[in-house]
């Protein structure tokens, strides 16, 4: 398995520029954070408190595949920021920011540390040991910033399952392999309601706008046409990945099928609103870091 583990081979404390070069385009009818100014949407509201950053960089601390390894996000001044709280969720015209935690065709279980200050990306652990999937994941995997699955909210549409206390996950189906910490502009296409040990763990299926086939896919039917079998493969991968460790298969709500783009956007809206209540301290944060 060690031969299949692909990690970012970057030197300790190196800094890499990632995204947000150039001006922010304000789109009609959407909500976007820009300093303390907000455009008021006509139809859909996305709460946003983060400042728009013209350039965000990542700074690696420690050595990959060690317990101390962290990937921090920094602004132009070199100040650390949170990828969960300080990167805007959406950019307008149905375009969202997606932060890569696990590049496609790798197996190290990387994740934003929601309980650490500035929420760096680290490799997950279990009983003091680094965690790996039993096999490579076939898509870029990560999170939508400024979203949160509220563990006190029982979703009546998904068997009353409670949120898993994490940002919403994204499965990006484009052909290019991302990098740990990379911020991609994506458009959501579908949603899978995974139930992991009784907790609701949404998977938003999306595609990078830089993918050659991005213009061809705008909803679930387009995914089936241009990426045949992909939605089934994603569901089956997340259903079965714990089985080699002796755990039962995960379940899926919504009839065991992927929901359309409209439903995916509904999920994003609701979890963004939950995040807003969290950072306003309207909901107890527990061990979560809101810095």
Protein backbone atom coordinates (compact mmCIF):
# COMPACT_ATOMS: atom_id res chain seq x y z
CA UNK A 1 0.00 0.00 0.00
CA UNK A 2 2.91 2.35 0.65
CA UNK A 3 3.66 2.44 -3.06
CA UNK A 4 0.21 3.86 -3.78
CA UNK A 5 0.40 6.63 -1.22
CA UNK A 6 1.00 9.86 -3.06
CA UNK A 7 1.70 12.92 -0.95
CA UNK A 8 2.73 16.49 -1.68
CA UNK A 9 6.52 16.40 -1.78
CA UNK A 10 7.22 19.92 -0.61
CA UNK A 11 9.90 21.11 1.74
CA UNK A 12 9.11 22.07 5.30
CA UNK A 13 7.72 25.61 5.74
CA UNK A 14 7.54 26.25 1.99
CA UNK A 15 4.95 28.73 0.75
CA UNK A 16 2.91 28.22 -2.40
CA UNK A 17 0.54 30.64 -4.11
CA UNK A 18 -2.80 29.05 -4.89
CA UNK A 19 -5.72 31.14 -6.01
CA UNK A 20 -7.66 34.41 -6.13
CA UNK A 21 -5.40 36.20 -8.60
CA UNK A 22 -7.08 39.11 -10.29
CA UNK A 23 -10.21 41.13 -9.47
CA UNK A 24 -13.38 39.74 -8.00
CA UNK A 25 -16.24 39.89 -10.44
CA UNK A 26 -19.45 40.93 -8.76
CA UNK A 27 -22.39 39.04 -10.16
CA UNK A 28 -25.96 40.36 -10.30
CA UNK A 29 -28.38 38.77 -7.86
CA UNK A 30 -25.94 37.01 -5.56
CA UNK A 31 -24.36 37.61 -2.18
CA UNK A 32 -20.61 38.09 -2.07
CA UNK A 33 -18.36 39.29 0.73
CA UNK A 34 -16.04 42.13 -0.23
CA UNK A 35 -14.64 43.79 2.84
CA UNK A 36 -17.73 44.81 4.79
CA UNK A 37 -19.88 45.27 1.69
CA UNK A 38 -22.49 42.74 0.65
CA UNK A 39 -24.58 42.52 -2.48
CA UNK A 40 -28.15 41.66 -1.57
CA UNK A 41 -29.48 38.63 -3.47
CA UNK A 42 -32.90 38.51 -5.03
CA UNK A 43 -33.52 34.80 -4.71
CA UNK A 44 -30.88 32.91 -2.74
CA UNK A 45 -28.96 34.06 0.30
CA UNK A 46 -25.53 32.86 1.31
CA UNK A 47 -24.23 34.23 4.58
CA UNK A 48 -20.67 35.51 4.26
CA UNK A 49 -18.36 37.21 6.71
CA UNK A 50 -14.93 36.62 5.19
CA UNK A 51 -12.88 39.28 3.48
CA UNK A 52 -12.11 38.65 -0.17
CA UNK A 53 -8.41 37.92 -0.56
CA UNK A 54 -6.78 38.78 -3.93
CA UNK A 55 -4.20 36.11 -3.20
CA UNK A 56 -4.12 33.26 -0.72
CA UNK A 57 -1.05 31.14 -0.13
CA UNK A 58 -0.34 27.90 1.69
CA UNK A 59 2.53 27.32 4.05
CA UNK A 60 3.62 23.80 4.92
CA UNK A 61 4.96 23.17 8.40
CA UNK A 62 6.59 19.85 9.21
CA UNK A 63 7.18 16.85 7.00
CA UNK A 64 4.38 15.10 5.03
CA UNK A 65 3.19 11.79 6.45
CA UNK A 66 4.12 12.74 10.02
CA UNK A 67 1.93 13.60 12.99
CA UNK A 68 3.24 17.18 13.03
CA UNK A 69 2.58 18.00 9.37
CA UNK A 70 0.24 20.97 8.84
CA UNK A 71 -0.80 23.00 5.79
CA UNK A 72 -1.65 26.56 6.82
CA UNK A 73 -3.33 29.25 4.74
CA UNK A 74 -1.87 32.77 4.81
CA UNK A 75 -2.89 36.12 3.33
CA UNK A 76 -0.70 38.66 1.52
CA UNK A 77 0.71 39.99 4.78
CA UNK A 78 1.76 36.51 5.87
CA UNK A 79 -0.97 36.31 8.50
CA UNK A 80 -2.54 32.91 8.99
CA UNK A 81 -6.21 32.63 8.08
CA UNK A 82 -8.77 29.84 8.33
CA UNK A 83 -9.66 27.97 5.13
CA UNK A 84 -12.96 27.05 6.78
CA UNK A 85 -14.02 30.50 8.00
CA UNK A 86 -12.08 33.06 5.94
CA UNK A 87 -12.32 31.73 2.37
CA UNK A 88 -15.60 32.91 0.79
CA UNK A 89 -18.11 30.20 -0.04
CA UNK A 90 -19.38 31.49 -3.35
CA UNK A 91 -18.21 33.74 -6.13
CA UNK A 92 -21.48 34.31 -7.99
CA UNK A 93 -23.11 32.76 -11.07
CA UNK A 94 -23.42 29.43 -9.27
CA UNK A 95 -19.66 29.19 -8.74
CA UNK A 96 -18.27 28.08 -5.38
CA UNK A 97 -14.85 27.77 -3.78
CA UNK A 98 -13.75 24.20 -3.09
CA UNK A 99 -10.68 23.44 -0.95
CA UNK A 100 -8.82 20.25 -1.82
CA UNK A 101 -7.91 18.13 1.18
CA UNK A 102 -7.25 14.81 -0.58
CA UNK A 103 -6.00 14.89 -4.20
CA UNK A 104 -7.40 12.24 -6.51
CA UNK A 105 -5.48 8.95 -6.75
CA UNK A 106 -4.03 9.32 -3.23
CA UNK A 107 -4.92 7.53 0.00
CA UNK A 108 -3.65 9.68 2.90
CA UNK A 109 -6.73 10.86 4.83
CA UNK A 110 -6.09 14.59 4.96
CA UNK A 111 -8.63 16.95 6.54
CA UNK A 112 -9.08 20.46 7.86
CA UNK A 113 -8.45 20.41 11.60
CA UNK A 114 -11.70 21.96 12.79
CA UNK A 115 -10.51 21.91 16.41
CA UNK A 116 -7.17 23.69 15.85
CA UNK A 117 -6.59 27.44 15.59
CA UNK A 118 -6.66 28.62 11.95
CA UNK A 119 -7.93 25.15 10.93
CA UNK A 120 -4.84 23.89 9.05
CA UNK A 121 -5.03 20.74 6.93
CA UNK A 122 -3.48 17.72 8.64
CA UNK A 123 -3.50 13.96 8.24
CA UNK A 124 -6.18 12.31 10.34
CA UNK A 125 -5.13 9.90 13.06
CA UNK A 126 -6.60 6.96 14.93
CA UNK A 127 -5.05 5.73 18.18
CA UNK A 128 -2.01 7.88 17.49
CA UNK A 129 -1.38 6.48 14.00
CA UNK A 130 -1.78 8.22 10.64
CA UNK A 131 -4.87 7.18 8.72
CA UNK A 132 -5.01 6.03 5.12
CA UNK A 133 -7.89 4.86 3.00
CA UNK A 134 -7.59 1.18 2.08
CA UNK A 135 -7.25 2.24 -1.55
CA UNK A 136 -6.83 5.47 -3.51
CA UNK A 137 -9.75 7.84 -3.87
CA UNK A 138 -10.53 8.44 -7.54
CA UNK A 139 -11.61 12.07 -7.34
CA UNK A 140 -10.42 15.27 -5.72
CA UNK A 141 -11.98 15.45 -2.28
CA UNK A 142 -12.34 18.29 0.18
CA UNK A 143 -14.72 20.85 1.63
CA UNK A 144 -16.90 23.85 0.95
CA UNK A 145 -15.76 26.74 3.18
CA UNK A 146 -18.29 28.50 5.37
CA UNK A 147 -20.53 25.46 5.67
CA UNK A 148 -21.24 23.26 8.70
CA UNK A 149 -23.36 20.18 9.29
CA UNK A 150 -25.08 20.94 12.59
CA UNK A 151 -25.00 17.91 14.93
CA UNK A 152 -28.07 19.20 16.75
CA UNK A 153 -30.22 19.28 13.60
CA UNK A 154 -32.17 16.13 12.72
CA UNK A 155 -32.81 16.10 8.97
CA UNK A 156 -36.35 14.81 8.45
CA UNK A 157 -35.65 14.20 4.76
CA UNK A 158 -32.75 11.85 5.55
CA UNK A 159 -34.07 9.48 8.21
CA UNK A 160 -33.74 12.12 10.93
CA UNK A 161 -29.93 11.84 10.81
CA UNK A 162 -27.91 14.45 12.69
CA UNK A 163 -25.13 16.48 11.08
CA UNK A 164 -21.56 15.21 11.45
CA UNK A 165 -20.14 18.46 12.92
CA UNK A 166 -17.91 19.12 9.88
CA UNK A 167 -17.93 21.35 6.81
CA UNK A 168 -19.72 19.92 3.77
CA UNK A 169 -17.65 17.54 1.66
CA UNK A 170 -17.10 17.89 -2.08
CA UNK A 171 -16.22 15.20 -4.62
CA UNK A 172 -14.75 16.95 -7.66
CA UNK A 173 -14.95 14.78 -10.80
CA UNK A 174 -12.67 16.67 -13.20
CA UNK A 175 -9.72 15.04 -14.93
CA UNK A 176 -6.90 17.00 -13.24
CA UNK A 177 -5.34 16.02 -9.93
CA UNK A 178 -5.52 18.83 -7.38
CA UNK A 179 -2.99 19.65 -4.68
CA UNK A 180 -3.45 19.67 -0.92
CA UNK A 181 -4.79 23.12 -0.03
CA UNK A 182 -5.61 24.10 -3.60
CA UNK A 183 -8.72 26.25 -3.98
CA UNK A 184 -10.76 25.35 -7.05
CA UNK A 185 -13.70 27.19 -8.53
CA UNK A 186 -16.43 24.60 -8.98
CA UNK A 187 -20.08 24.27 -9.84
CA UNK A 188 -22.22 21.78 -7.91
CA UNK A 189 -23.98 19.11 -9.93
CA UNK A 190 -25.56 16.65 -7.48
CA UNK A 191 -25.69 15.57 -3.84
CA UNK A 192 -25.40 12.25 -2.04
CA UNK A 193 -26.80 11.88 1.48
CA UNK A 194 -24.31 9.50 3.12
CA UNK A 195 -25.17 8.23 6.60
CA UNK A 196 -22.01 7.30 8.48
CA UNK A 197 -22.66 5.56 11.81
CA UNK A 198 -25.93 7.45 12.11
CA UNK A 199 -24.51 10.87 11.17
CA UNK A 200 -25.42 12.74 8.00
CA UNK A 201 -22.34 13.41 5.87
CA UNK A 202 -23.31 15.18 2.66
CA UNK A 203 -21.23 14.63 -0.48
CA UNK A 204 -21.63 17.41 -3.05
CA UNK A 205 -20.61 16.23 -6.50
CA UNK A 206 -19.05 19.12 -8.44
CA UNK A 207 -16.70 19.90 -11.31
CA UNK A 208 -13.88 22.40 -11.63
CA UNK A 209 -14.58 25.23 -14.05
CA UNK A 210 -11.13 24.60 -15.50
CA UNK A 211 -12.05 21.09 -16.59
CA UNK A 212 -12.43 20.71 -20.37
CA UNK A 213 -15.92 19.22 -19.96
CA UNK A 214 -17.17 21.71 -17.37
CA UNK A 215 -19.37 23.54 -19.88
CA UNK A 216 -21.09 20.28 -20.80
CA UNK A 217 -22.35 19.40 -17.33
CA UNK A 218 -24.87 21.46 -15.39
CA UNK A 219 -27.00 18.88 -13.61
CA UNK A 220 -27.24 15.23 -12.68
CA UNK A 221 -28.40 14.09 -16.14
CA UNK A 222 -25.37 15.71 -17.74
CA UNK A 223 -23.10 13.84 -15.34
CA UNK A 224 -24.66 10.55 -16.40
CA UNK A 225 -24.22 11.48 -20.05
CA UNK A 226 -20.65 12.81 -20.03
CA UNK A 227 -19.29 10.93 -16.98
CA UNK A 228 -21.23 7.65 -17.24
CA UNK A 229 -21.13 5.52 -14.12
CA UNK A 230 -19.42 8.19 -12.02
CA UNK A 231 -22.27 8.85 -9.58
CA UNK A 232 -22.67 5.14 -8.92
CA UNK A 233 -18.91 4.77 -8.49
CA UNK A 234 -18.79 7.62 -5.97
CA UNK A 235 -21.67 6.18 -3.97
CA UNK A 236 -20.15 2.70 -3.97
CA UNK A 237 -16.69 3.99 -3.01
CA UNK A 238 -17.98 5.83 0.04
CA UNK A 239 -20.36 3.00 0.91
CA UNK A 240 -17.61 0.38 1.01
CA UNK A 241 -14.35 2.04 2.03
CA UNK A 242 -14.66 1.06 5.71
CA UNK A 243 -15.39 -2.61 5.03
CA UNK A 244 -11.69 -3.64 4.77
CA UNK A 245 -11.30 -2.37 8.37
CA UNK A 246 -14.06 -4.67 9.56
CA UNK A 247 -16.74 -1.97 9.79
CA UNK A 248 -20.20 -2.13 8.20
CA UNK A 249 -20.94 -0.39 4.91
CA UNK A 250 -22.19 3.18 5.04
CA UNK A 251 -25.79 3.88 4.06
CA UNK A 252 -27.34 6.55 1.86
CA UNK A 253 -30.59 8.41 2.23
CA UNK A 254 -32.83 9.91 -0.45
CA UNK A 255 -33.61 6.50 -1.88
CA UNK A 256 -29.95 5.55 -2.20
CA UNK A 257 -29.69 7.88 -5.20
CA UNK A 258 -27.97 11.15 -6.01
CA UNK A 259 -30.14 14.27 -5.81
CA UNK A 260 -30.23 16.92 -8.53
CA UNK A 261 -28.32 20.19 -8.59
CA UNK A 262 -31.26 22.13 -7.16
CA UNK A 263 -31.20 19.92 -4.07
CA UNK A 264 -27.42 20.22 -3.80
CA UNK A 265 -27.76 24.02 -3.75
CA UNK A 266 -30.41 23.69 -1.04
CA UNK A 267 -27.98 21.64 1.07
CA UNK A 268 -25.26 24.26 0.56
CA UNK A 269 -27.63 27.08 1.54
CA UNK A 270 -28.81 25.34 4.70
CA UNK A 271 -25.33 24.36 5.86
CA UNK A 272 -24.04 27.86 5.15
CA UNK A 273 -26.79 29.22 7.37
CA UNK A 274 -25.80 26.71 10.06
CA UNK A 275 -22.20 27.89 9.80
CA UNK A 276 -23.36 31.49 10.21
CA UNK A 277 -25.17 30.62 13.43
CA UNK A 278 -22.06 28.79 14.62
CA UNK A 279 -19.66 31.71 14.09
CA UNK A 280 -22.15 34.11 15.67
CA UNK A 281 -22.10 31.85 18.73
CA UNK A 282 -25.83 31.24 18.40
CA UNK A 283 -24.95 27.53 18.67
CA UNK A 284 -22.35 26.16 21.11
CA UNK A 285 -19.09 25.54 19.28
CA UNK A 286 -17.78 22.91 21.65
CA UNK A 287 -14.20 22.06 20.67
CA UNK A 288 -14.46 23.68 17.21
CA UNK A 289 -12.06 26.54 16.51
CA UNK A 290 -13.78 29.62 15.10
CA UNK A 291 -10.52 31.56 14.59
